[in-house]
C-alpha atoms as a PDB file:
ATOM      1  CA  GLN A   1      97.405 178.346 148.941  1.00  0.00           C
ATOM      2  CA  GLU A   2      97.318 180.116 152.289  1.00  0.00           C
ATOM      3  CA  ALA A   3      99.781 182.098 154.365  1.00  0.00           C
ATOM      4  CA  SER A   4     100.318 180.768 157.880  1.00  0.00           C
ATOM      5  CA  LYS A   5     102.777 181.914 160.514  1.00  0.00           C
ATOM      6  CA  GLY A   6     104.772 183.631 157.786  1.00  0.00           C
ATOM      7  CA  PHE A   7     104.890 180.725 155.336  1.00  0.00           C
ATOM      8  CA  LEU A   8     102.690 179.469 152.526  1.00  0.00           C
ATOM      9  CA  ILE A   9     100.854 176.160 152.686  1.00  0.00           C
ATOM     10  CA  THR A  10      99.940 174.391 149.455  1.00  0.00           C
ATOM     11  CA  VAL A  11      98.598 170.953 148.612  1.00  0.00           C
ATOM     12  CA  THR A  12      99.238 168.920 145.468  1.00  0.00           C
ATOM     13  CA  ASN A  13      97.426 165.760 144.432  1.00  0.00           C
ATOM     14  CA  ASP A  14      99.457 163.678 141.974  1.00  0.00           C
ATOM     15  CA  MET A  15      96.852 160.886 142.147  1.00  0.00           C
ATOM     16  CA  GLU A  16      93.924 162.827 140.711  1.00  0.00           C
ATOM     17  CA  ASN A  17      91.336 160.793 138.807  1.00  0.00           C
ATOM     18  CA  THR A  18      92.125 157.687 140.850  1.00  0.00           C
ATOM     19  CA  PRO A  19      90.079 156.355 143.796  1.00  0.00           C
ATOM     20  CA  LEU A  20      92.852 157.174 146.295  1.00  0.00           C
ATOM     21  CA  GLY A  21      93.372 160.608 144.777  1.00  0.00           C
ATOM     22  CA  GLU A  22      89.666 161.406 144.898  1.00  0.00           C
ATOM     23  CA  LYS A  23      89.555 160.262 148.514  1.00  0.00           C
ATOM     24  CA  PHE A  24      92.504 162.523 149.352  1.00  0.00           C
ATOM     25  CA  SER A  25      90.837 165.490 147.640  1.00  0.00           C
ATOM     26  CA  LEU A  26      87.574 164.890 149.490  1.00  0.00           C
ATOM     27  CA  PHE A  27      89.108 164.685 152.949  1.00  0.00           C
ATOM     28  CA  TYR A  28      92.058 167.073 152.662  1.00  0.00           C
ATOM     29  CA  VAL A  29      91.853 169.438 149.681  1.00  0.00           C
ATOM     30  CA  SER A  30      88.255 170.557 149.253  1.00  0.00           C
ATOM     31  CA  ASN A  31      87.803 171.457 152.928  1.00  0.00           C
ATOM     32  CA  ASP A  32      91.275 172.954 153.541  1.00  0.00           C
ATOM     33  CA  GLU A  33      91.989 170.268 156.146  1.00  0.00           C
ATOM     34  CA  VAL A  34      95.646 170.095 155.091  1.00  0.00           C
ATOM     35  CA  THR A  35      96.150 173.732 156.069  1.00  0.00           C
ATOM     36  CA  ARG A  36      94.738 173.115 159.536  1.00  0.00           C
ATOM     37  CA  LEU A  37      96.877 170.006 160.019  1.00  0.00           C
ATOM     38  CA  VAL A  38     100.066 171.773 158.940  1.00  0.00           C
ATOM     39  CA  GLN A  39      99.350 174.755 161.190  1.00  0.00           C
ATOM     40  CA  SER A  40      98.634 172.513 164.171  1.00  0.00           C
ATOM     41  CA  ALA A  41     101.680 170.295 163.562  1.00  0.00           C
ATOM     42  CA  SER A  42     103.958 173.302 163.119  1.00  0.00           C
ATOM     43  CA  ASP A  43     102.704 174.964 166.302  1.00  0.00           C
ATOM     44  CA  PHE A  44     103.068 171.772 168.329  1.00  0.00           C
ATOM     45  CA  ALA A  45     106.604 170.968 167.158  1.00  0.00           C
ATOM     46  CA  THR A  46     107.671 174.598 167.595  1.00  0.00           C
ATOM     47  CA  ARG A  47     106.554 174.661 171.237  1.00  0.00           C
ATOM     48  CA  ILE A  48     108.743 171.637 171.979  1.00  0.00           C
ATOM     49  CA  LEU A  49     111.807 172.594 169.954  1.00  0.00           C
ATOM     50  CA  TYR A  50     111.669 176.326 170.716  1.00  0.00           C
ATOM     51  CA  PRO A  51     110.102 176.783 174.173  1.00  0.00           C
ATOM     52  CA  ASP A  52     111.514 180.318 174.091  1.00  0.00           C
ATOM     53  CA  PRO A  53     109.812 181.966 171.074  1.00  0.00           C
ATOM     54  CA  ASN A  54     112.700 184.433 170.793  1.00  0.00           C
ATOM     55  CA  SER A  55     115.137 181.597 170.096  1.00  0.00           C
ATOM     56  CA  MET A  56     113.492 180.523 166.832  1.00  0.00           C
ATOM     57  CA  PRO A  57     115.370 181.654 163.704  1.00  0.00           C
ATOM     58  CA  GLU A  58     113.453 184.109 161.557  1.00  0.00           C
ATOM     59  CA  LYS A  59     111.921 182.816 158.341  1.00  0.00           C
ATOM     60  CA  ILE A  60     112.907 179.215 159.027  1.00  0.00           C
ATOM     61  CA  ILE A  61     110.133 178.068 156.648  1.00  0.00           C
ATOM     62  CA  GLY A  62     109.222 179.761 153.370  1.00  0.00           C
ATOM     63  CA  ARG A  63     106.612 177.368 152.018  1.00  0.00           C
ATOM     64  CA  VAL A  64     105.279 173.888 152.760  1.00  0.00           C
ATOM     65  CA  ASP A  65     103.643 171.736 150.100  1.00  0.00           C
ATOM     66  CA  ILE A  66     101.794 168.573 151.132  1.00  0.00           C
ATOM     67  CA  ARG A  67     101.932 166.319 148.086  1.00  0.00           C
ATOM     68  CA  LEU A  68     100.221 162.989 147.548  1.00  0.00           C
ATOM     69  CA  ALA A  69     102.818 161.148 145.466  1.00  0.00           C
ATOM     70  CA  ASN A  70     101.883 159.396 142.225  1.00  0.00           C
ATOM     71  CA  GLN A  71     103.335 156.097 143.430  1.00  0.00           C
ATOM     72  CA  ASN A  72     104.058 154.330 146.695  1.00  0.00           C
ATOM     73  CA  LEU A  73     107.235 155.447 148.440  1.00  0.00           C
ATOM     74  CA  THR A  74     109.759 153.479 150.469  1.00  0.00           C
ATOM     75  CA  ARG A  75     108.407 155.257 153.570  1.00  0.00           C
ATOM     76  CA  ASP A  76     105.035 156.762 154.424  1.00  0.00           C
ATOM     77  CA  HIS A  77     106.474 160.218 153.824  1.00  0.00           C
ATOM     78  CA  ILE A  78     109.625 161.701 152.337  1.00  0.00           C
ATOM     79  CA  LEU A  79     110.777 165.284 152.823  1.00  0.00           C
ATOM     80  CA  ALA A  80     112.408 167.303 150.060  1.00  0.00           C
ATOM     81  CA  ALA A  81     113.798 170.838 150.254  1.00  0.00           C
ATOM     82  CA  GLU A  82     114.121 173.250 147.358  1.00  0.00           C
ATOM     83  CA  GLY A  83     116.153 176.450 147.560  1.00  0.00           C
ATOM     84  CA  VAL A  84     118.074 177.832 150.512  1.00  0.00           C
ATOM     85  CA  GLY A  85     117.698 180.470 153.186  1.00  0.00           C
ATOM     86  CA  GLU A  86     114.532 182.533 153.278  1.00  0.00           C
ATOM     87  CA  LYS A  87     113.197 181.060 150.040  1.00  0.00           C
ATOM     88  CA  THR A  88     113.306 177.445 151.170  1.00  0.00           C
ATOM     89  CA  LYS A  89     110.333 175.396 150.016  1.00  0.00           C
ATOM     90  CA  TYR A  90     109.687 172.079 151.709  1.00  0.00           C
ATOM     91  CA  VAL A  91     107.673 169.306 150.110  1.00  0.00           C
ATOM     92  CA  ILE A  92     106.257 166.517 152.256  1.00  0.00           C
ATOM     93  CA  PHE A  93     105.542 163.676 149.839  1.00  0.00           C
ATOM     94  CA  ILE A  94     102.859 161.344 151.225  1.00  0.00           C
ATOM     95  CA  SER A  95     102.800 157.763 149.988  1.00  0.00           C
ATOM     96  CA  PRO A  96      99.346 157.002 148.500  1.00  0.00           C
ATOM     97  CA  ARG A  97      99.243 153.650 150.303  1.00  0.00           C
ATOM     98  CA  VAL A  98      98.542 155.604 153.504  1.00  0.00           C
ATOM     99  CA  MET A  99      95.074 156.363 152.128  1.00  0.00           C
ATOM    100  CA  GLU A 100      94.304 152.642 151.863  1.00  0.00           C
ATOM    101  CA  PHE A 101      94.150 152.088 155.630  1.00  0.00           C
ATOM    102  CA  SER A 102      90.962 152.376 157.658  1.00  0.00           C
ATOM    103  CA  ASP A 103      92.773 154.758 160.033  1.00  0.00           C
ATOM    104  CA  PHE A 104      94.147 156.901 157.194  1.00  0.00           C
ATOM    105  CA  ARG A 105      93.187 160.116 159.007  1.00  0.00           C
ATOM    106  CA  ARG A 106      95.453 159.286 161.929  1.00  0.00           C
ATOM    107  CA  ARG A 107      98.226 158.186 159.582  1.00  0.00           C
ATOM    108  CA  ILE A 108      98.063 161.359 157.493  1.00  0.00           C
ATOM    109  CA  ARG A 109      98.152 163.469 160.645  1.00  0.00           C
ATOM    110  CA  ARG A 110     101.140 161.459 161.881  1.00  0.00           C
ATOM    111  CA  GLU A 111     103.111 161.932 158.660  1.00  0.00           C
ATOM    112  CA  ILE A 112     102.395 165.663 158.576  1.00  0.00           C
ATOM    113  CA  GLN A 113     103.407 165.977 162.238  1.00  0.00           C
ATOM    114  CA  LYS A 114     106.646 164.091 161.617  1.00  0.00           C
ATOM    115  CA  GLY A 115     107.286 166.079 158.448  1.00  0.00           C
ATOM    116  CA  MET A 116     106.881 169.419 160.207  1.00  0.00           C
ATOM    117  CA  ALA A 117     109.204 168.329 163.025  1.00  0.00           C
ATOM    118  CA  GLU A 118     111.709 167.249 160.384  1.00  0.00           C
ATOM    119  CA  ILE A 119     111.443 170.659 158.709  1.00  0.00           C
ATOM    120  CA  LEU A 120     112.050 172.489 161.987  1.00  0.00           C
ATOM    121  CA  LEU A 121     115.139 170.338 162.567  1.00  0.00           C
ATOM    122  CA  PHE A 122     116.365 170.895 159.021  1.00  0.00           C
ATOM    123  CA  GLY A 123     119.787 172.507 158.910  1.00  0.00           C
ATOM    124  CA  ILE A 124     121.307 170.549 161.780  1.00  0.00           C
ATOM    125  CA  GLN A 125     121.057 167.148 160.099  1.00  0.00           C
ATOM    126  CA  ASN A 126     124.822 167.169 159.532  1.00  0.00           C
ATOM    127  CA  ARG A 127     125.623 168.183 163.101  1.00  0.00           C
ATOM    128  CA  ALA A 128     123.904 165.466 165.108  1.00  0.00           C
ATOM    129  CA  PRO A 129     123.557 161.686 164.784  1.00  0.00           C
ATOM    130  CA  LYS A 130     120.700 160.680 162.494  1.00  0.00           C
ATOM    131  CA  THR A 131     119.500 158.361 165.245  1.00  0.00           C
ATOM    132  CA  MET A 132     119.118 161.346 167.577  1.00  0.00           C
ATOM    133  CA  LEU A 133     117.169 163.424 165.047  1.00  0.00           C
ATOM    134  CA  ASP A 134     114.923 160.483 164.118  1.00  0.00           C
ATOM    135  CA  GLY A 135     114.303 159.946 167.823  1.00  0.00           C
ATOM    136  CA  ILE A 136     113.331 163.597 168.353  1.00  0.00           C
ATOM    137  CA  ILE A 137     110.889 163.413 165.434  1.00  0.00           C
ATOM    138  CA  GLU A 138     109.395 160.207 166.841  1.00  0.00           C
ATOM    139  CA  TYR A 139     109.209 161.739 170.321  1.00  0.00           C
ATOM    140  CA  ILE A 140     107.287 164.766 169.026  1.00  0.00           C
ATOM    141  CA  SER A 141     104.796 162.629 167.086  1.00  0.00           C
ATOM    142  CA  ASN A 142     104.263 160.405 170.134  1.00  0.00           C
ATOM    143  CA  LEU A 143     103.687 163.439 172.339  1.00  0.00           C
ATOM    144  CA  ALA A 144     101.207 164.803 169.795  1.00  0.00           C
ATOM    145  CA  GLY A 145      99.173 161.629 170.200  1.00  0.00           C
ATOM    146  CA  VAL A 146      99.860 160.230 166.739  1.00  0.00           C
ATOM    147  CA  GLY A 147     102.552 157.712 167.568  1.00  0.00           C
ATOM    148  CA  PRO A 148     102.120 154.027 166.701  1.00  0.00           C
ATOM    149  CA  GLN A 149      99.034 152.619 168.389  1.00  0.00           C
ATOM    150  CA  LYS A 150     101.033 149.527 169.328  1.00  0.00           C
ATOM    151  CA  ARG A 151     104.649 150.313 170.100  1.00  0.00           C
ATOM    152  CA  VAL A 152     106.896 147.269 170.153  1.00  0.00           C
ATOM    153  CA  PHE A 153     110.540 147.401 171.146  1.00  0.00           C
ATOM    154  CA  ASP A 154     113.313 144.911 170.586  1.00  0.00           C
ATOM    155  CA  PHE A 155     114.467 144.573 174.164  1.00  0.00           C
ATOM    156  CA  ARG A 156     118.221 144.792 174.468  1.00  0.00           C
ATOM    157  CA  ASP A 157     120.943 146.404 176.529  1.00  0.00           C
ATOM    158  CA  VAL A 158     120.669 150.185 176.117  1.00  0.00           C
ATOM    159  CA  ARG A 159     123.043 151.170 178.891  1.00  0.00           C
ATOM    160  CA  GLY A 160     125.607 152.515 176.412  1.00  0.00           C
ATOM    161  CA  LYS A 161     124.956 155.423 174.053  1.00  0.00           C
ATOM    162  CA  CYS A 162     121.211 154.873 173.903  1.00  0.00           C
ATOM    163  CA  TRP A 163     120.725 157.962 171.721  1.00  0.00           C
ATOM    164  CA  GLU A 164     122.541 156.018 168.981  1.00  0.00           C
ATOM    165  CA  ASP A 165     120.043 153.150 168.984  1.00  0.00           C
ATOM    166  CA  GLU A 166     118.836 152.355 165.460  1.00  0.00           C
ATOM    167  CA  ASP A 167     115.205 152.111 166.592  1.00  0.00           C
ATOM    168  CA  PRO A 168     113.653 155.623 166.743  1.00  0.00           C
ATOM    169  CA  ALA A 169     111.056 154.296 169.200  1.00  0.00           C
ATOM    170  CA  VAL A 170     113.779 153.451 171.726  1.00  0.00           C
ATOM    171  CA  VAL A 171     115.512 156.821 171.281  1.00  0.00           C
ATOM    172  CA  ALA A 172     112.142 158.585 171.629  1.00  0.00           C
ATOM    173  CA  GLU A 173     111.507 156.735 174.888  1.00  0.00           C
ATOM    174  CA  PHE A 174     114.948 157.766 176.129  1.00  0.00           C
ATOM    175  CA  LEU A 175     114.346 161.411 175.190  1.00  0.00           C
ATOM    176  CA  GLY A 176     111.013 161.344 177.001  1.00  0.00           C
ATOM    177  CA  TYR A 177     112.777 159.864 180.022  1.00  0.00           C
ATOM    178  CA  CYS A 178     115.333 162.698 179.906  1.00  0.00           C
ATOM    179  CA  GLU A 179     112.622 165.347 179.542  1.00  0.00           C
ATOM    180  CA  GLY A 180     110.935 163.888 182.599  1.00  0.00           C
ATOM    181  CA  LYS A 181     114.159 164.253 184.569  1.00  0.00           C
ATOM    182  CA  THR A 182     114.945 167.792 183.424  1.00  0.00           C
ATOM    183  CA  GLU A 183     112.105 169.813 181.908  1.00  0.00           C
ATOM    184  CA  GLY A 184     112.933 171.753 178.749  1.00  0.00           C
ATOM    185  CA  PHE A 185     115.718 169.354 177.791  1.00  0.00           C
ATOM    186  CA  ILE A 186     114.556 168.888 174.181  1.00  0.00           C
ATOM    187  CA  GLY A 187     114.458 172.640 173.572  1.00  0.00           C
ATOM    188  CA  ARG A 188     117.899 173.159 175.112  1.00  0.00           C
ATOM    189  CA  LEU A 189     119.325 170.303 173.061  1.00  0.00           C
ATOM    190  CA  ASN A 190     117.882 171.699 169.828  1.00  0.00           C
ATOM    191  CA  GLN A 191     119.281 175.145 170.598  1.00  0.00           C
ATOM    192  CA  ALA A 192     122.707 173.745 171.476  1.00  0.00           C
ATOM    193  CA  MET A 193     122.865 171.705 168.266  1.00  0.00           C
ATOM    194  CA  ARG A 194     122.029 174.809 166.243  1.00  0.00           C
ATOM    195  CA  GLU A 195     124.713 176.883 167.926  1.00  0.00           C
ATOM    196  CA  GLY A 196     127.645 174.542 167.443  1.00  0.00           C
ATOM    197  CA  ARG A 197     129.026 171.184 166.454  1.00  0.00           C
ATOM    198  CA  TRP A 198     127.656 168.000 167.960  1.00  0.00           C
ATOM    199  CA  ASP A 199     129.527 166.015 170.577  1.00  0.00           C
ATOM    200  CA  GLU A 200     128.503 164.024 173.615  1.00  0.00           C
ATOM    201  CA  GLU A 201     129.206 166.999 175.861  1.00  0.00           C
ATOM    202  CA  THR A 202     126.445 168.869 174.010  1.00  0.00           C
ATOM    203  CA  LEU A 203     124.018 166.267 175.297  1.00  0.00           C
ATOM    204  CA  ASP A 204     125.535 166.363 178.788  1.00  0.00           C
ATOM    205  CA  ARG A 205     125.181 170.148 178.980  1.00  0.00           C
ATOM    206  CA  ALA A 206     121.559 170.084 177.828  1.00  0.00           C
ATOM    207  CA  LEU A 207     120.816 167.466 180.479  1.00  0.00           C
ATOM    208  CA  GLY A 208     122.901 169.014 183.224  1.00  0.00           C
ATOM    209  CA  MET A 209     124.388 165.586 183.924  1.00  0.00           C
ATOM    210  CA  PRO A 210     126.295 162.840 182.074  1.00  0.00           C
ATOM    211  CA  ALA A 211     124.022 161.303 179.448  1.00  0.00           C
ATOM    212  CA  LYS A 212     125.574 157.867 179.929  1.00  0.00           C
ATOM    213  CA  HIS A 213     124.379 157.845 183.540  1.00  0.00           C
ATOM    214  CA  LEU A 214     120.831 158.462 182.366  1.00  0.00           C
ATOM    215  CA  CYS A 215     121.183 155.672 179.801  1.00  0.00           C
ATOM    216  CA  GLU A 216     121.914 153.289 182.652  1.00  0.00           C
ATOM    217  CA  SER A 217     118.921 154.382 184.721  1.00  0.00           C
ATOM    218  CA  PHE A 218     116.758 154.419 181.575  1.00  0.00           C
ATOM    219  CA  HIS A 219     117.732 150.815 180.899  1.00  0.00           C
ATOM    220  CA  SER A 220     116.785 149.866 184.453  1.00  0.00           C
ATOM    221  CA  SER A 221     113.424 151.612 184.118  1.00  0.00           C
ATOM    222  CA  MET A 222     112.711 149.733 180.881  1.00  0.00           C
ATOM    223  CA  VAL A 223     113.497 146.429 182.562  1.00  0.00           C
ATOM    224  CA  MET A 224     111.037 147.271 185.336  1.00  0.00           C
ATOM    225  CA  LYS A 225     108.320 148.057 182.787  1.00  0.00           C
ATOM    226  CA  ILE A 226     108.528 144.771 180.890  1.00  0.00           C
ATOM    227  CA  GLN A 227     105.702 143.093 182.747  1.00  0.00           C
ATOM    228  CA  ASP A 228     103.374 146.087 182.420  1.00  0.00           C
ATOM    229  CA  LEU A 229     104.236 146.674 178.769  1.00  0.00           C
ATOM    230  CA  ASN A 230     103.539 143.059 177.906  1.00  0.00           C
ATOM    231  CA  SER A 231     100.126 143.071 179.535  1.00  0.00           C
ATOM    232  CA  PRO A 232      97.162 142.530 177.150  1.00  0.00           C
ATOM    233  CA  ASN A 233      95.776 146.012 177.838  1.00  0.00           C
ATOM    234  CA  SER A 234      99.039 147.835 177.216  1.00  0.00           C
ATOM    235  CA  ALA A 235      99.601 150.099 174.209  1.00  0.00           C
ATOM    236  CA  CYS A 236     103.254 149.062 174.174  1.00  0.00           C
ATOM    237  CA  GLY A 237     105.144 145.832 174.197  1.00  0.00           C
ATOM    238  CA  TYR A 238     108.478 144.079 174.079  1.00  0.00           C
ATOM    239  CA  ARG A 239     109.472 141.284 171.804  1.00  0.00           C
END
């Protein structure tokens, strides 16, 4: 285990003595790669969510354990929290099926990045729509360069409350659109959600304008991108 930024980082391999477990140990345990990935992911997510270092709560993380689960999970990673307050321990369970892919290194990095963003958002999960929080996590992983290599959206009308879309990829695109319109938006939104209850005015204040208006212009911008996004050389697409 190692102390980093005031919290401990540990790694647990519940698939030891199996081919996938041995592969995980070789690439992530024996060389301390997990520690480097957690540190990098934590730093990256912190810069986005807390652009003002003084705004970050003290001792928000006590310990992080990266754990290769002993069976496949319903998702590529699942976050669990043990304890409360300063003694909170977070466990990011990684599904062993991730190690089966040829691009497992990218996938592991993606799940750790998403897990660390989820940890930094922990505590406000009951104050904001799940769709919004999932979108922020997706936005951070995309910005870190570990988003899906081929992003495909179900094209539909998103002129309403687009932050309530069930597809995190769409919400992430909307959040990126908002950040492009008003720099520092994600950090202000995170801070506002931590300081009080969630309502649509919280989003409006963080943006400095009505969010619904941006949903309308966001929808128009997505329509204009359809041809480019469907091109053979694009990393995105519509279906």
